[in-house]
């Protein structure tokens, strides 16, 4: 594996399944965050969950006892907005997303429309209904550019998993015979480059920490960073054995990482 955690200056932390589940801290997570800061390192939170914006996460963490600035929360929604501004500037967007994501897009100057859009963007729409599914399938079937905020199939909660954006992709594919042309969130390079630009972190001294091999760990490994898997969420040892993506480090939880800082 090589390297050691003491070489890492910036820890990029997944949230659901890595730091907390629901409104409950994963054991030792808050101690880990305090230890990172005590060691003179930085951490930022990176989530693929596009059903919530940075303000929601700041408020949630505050309720849980952690005060953090909004600029330390990076979401796939933010990275998708950046991607649209770079590649589809001033084009009209049909967004499959809930009210929070829609507000985030419009506040950034993205023009959202249900009529004659030029680009389709699919997020984790927690307000999804059958009418929306029919509409997005029609637009994807028509051949419009088709983007998505992230690929996760399930979102972890305190009581189990709920269907996420990847499950919506599967529905659209079954009807319209297309998967997204481009997915912004982990494990894709777009969100990691966006994060490095935001944080000014050095790629070789940055680690991606998360509970999923196919998003979190792959994002780190494929982007020239250190990939760290924690077994507190979705992935287990059996998944590691089957996966082509191999973490640089594996811990039961972030609590185990404290002694390695």
Foldseek 3Di string as FASTA:
>chain_A
DDDFLVLAQEEEEEDDLFQAFALGGDPQNVVLQVLSVVSVGYYAYEYAALQAALVVVQVSVVVSPDHDDSLRYHYLLVLVLVVCCVPVNPFEEAEQAEPRSVVVNVVSPHHYDLPPGQEYEYFFHPPDDPVVLVSSLVVVLVPHQYEYSAQDQWGGHPVGTDGGRNVSQVSSCVRRVDGHPYYQAFLDQSSVVVVCVSVVDDLANYEFEEADQRGGQNNNVVNNHAYEHAPRGDDDPVCCVPDPRHGPYYYPGSSVCSVRD
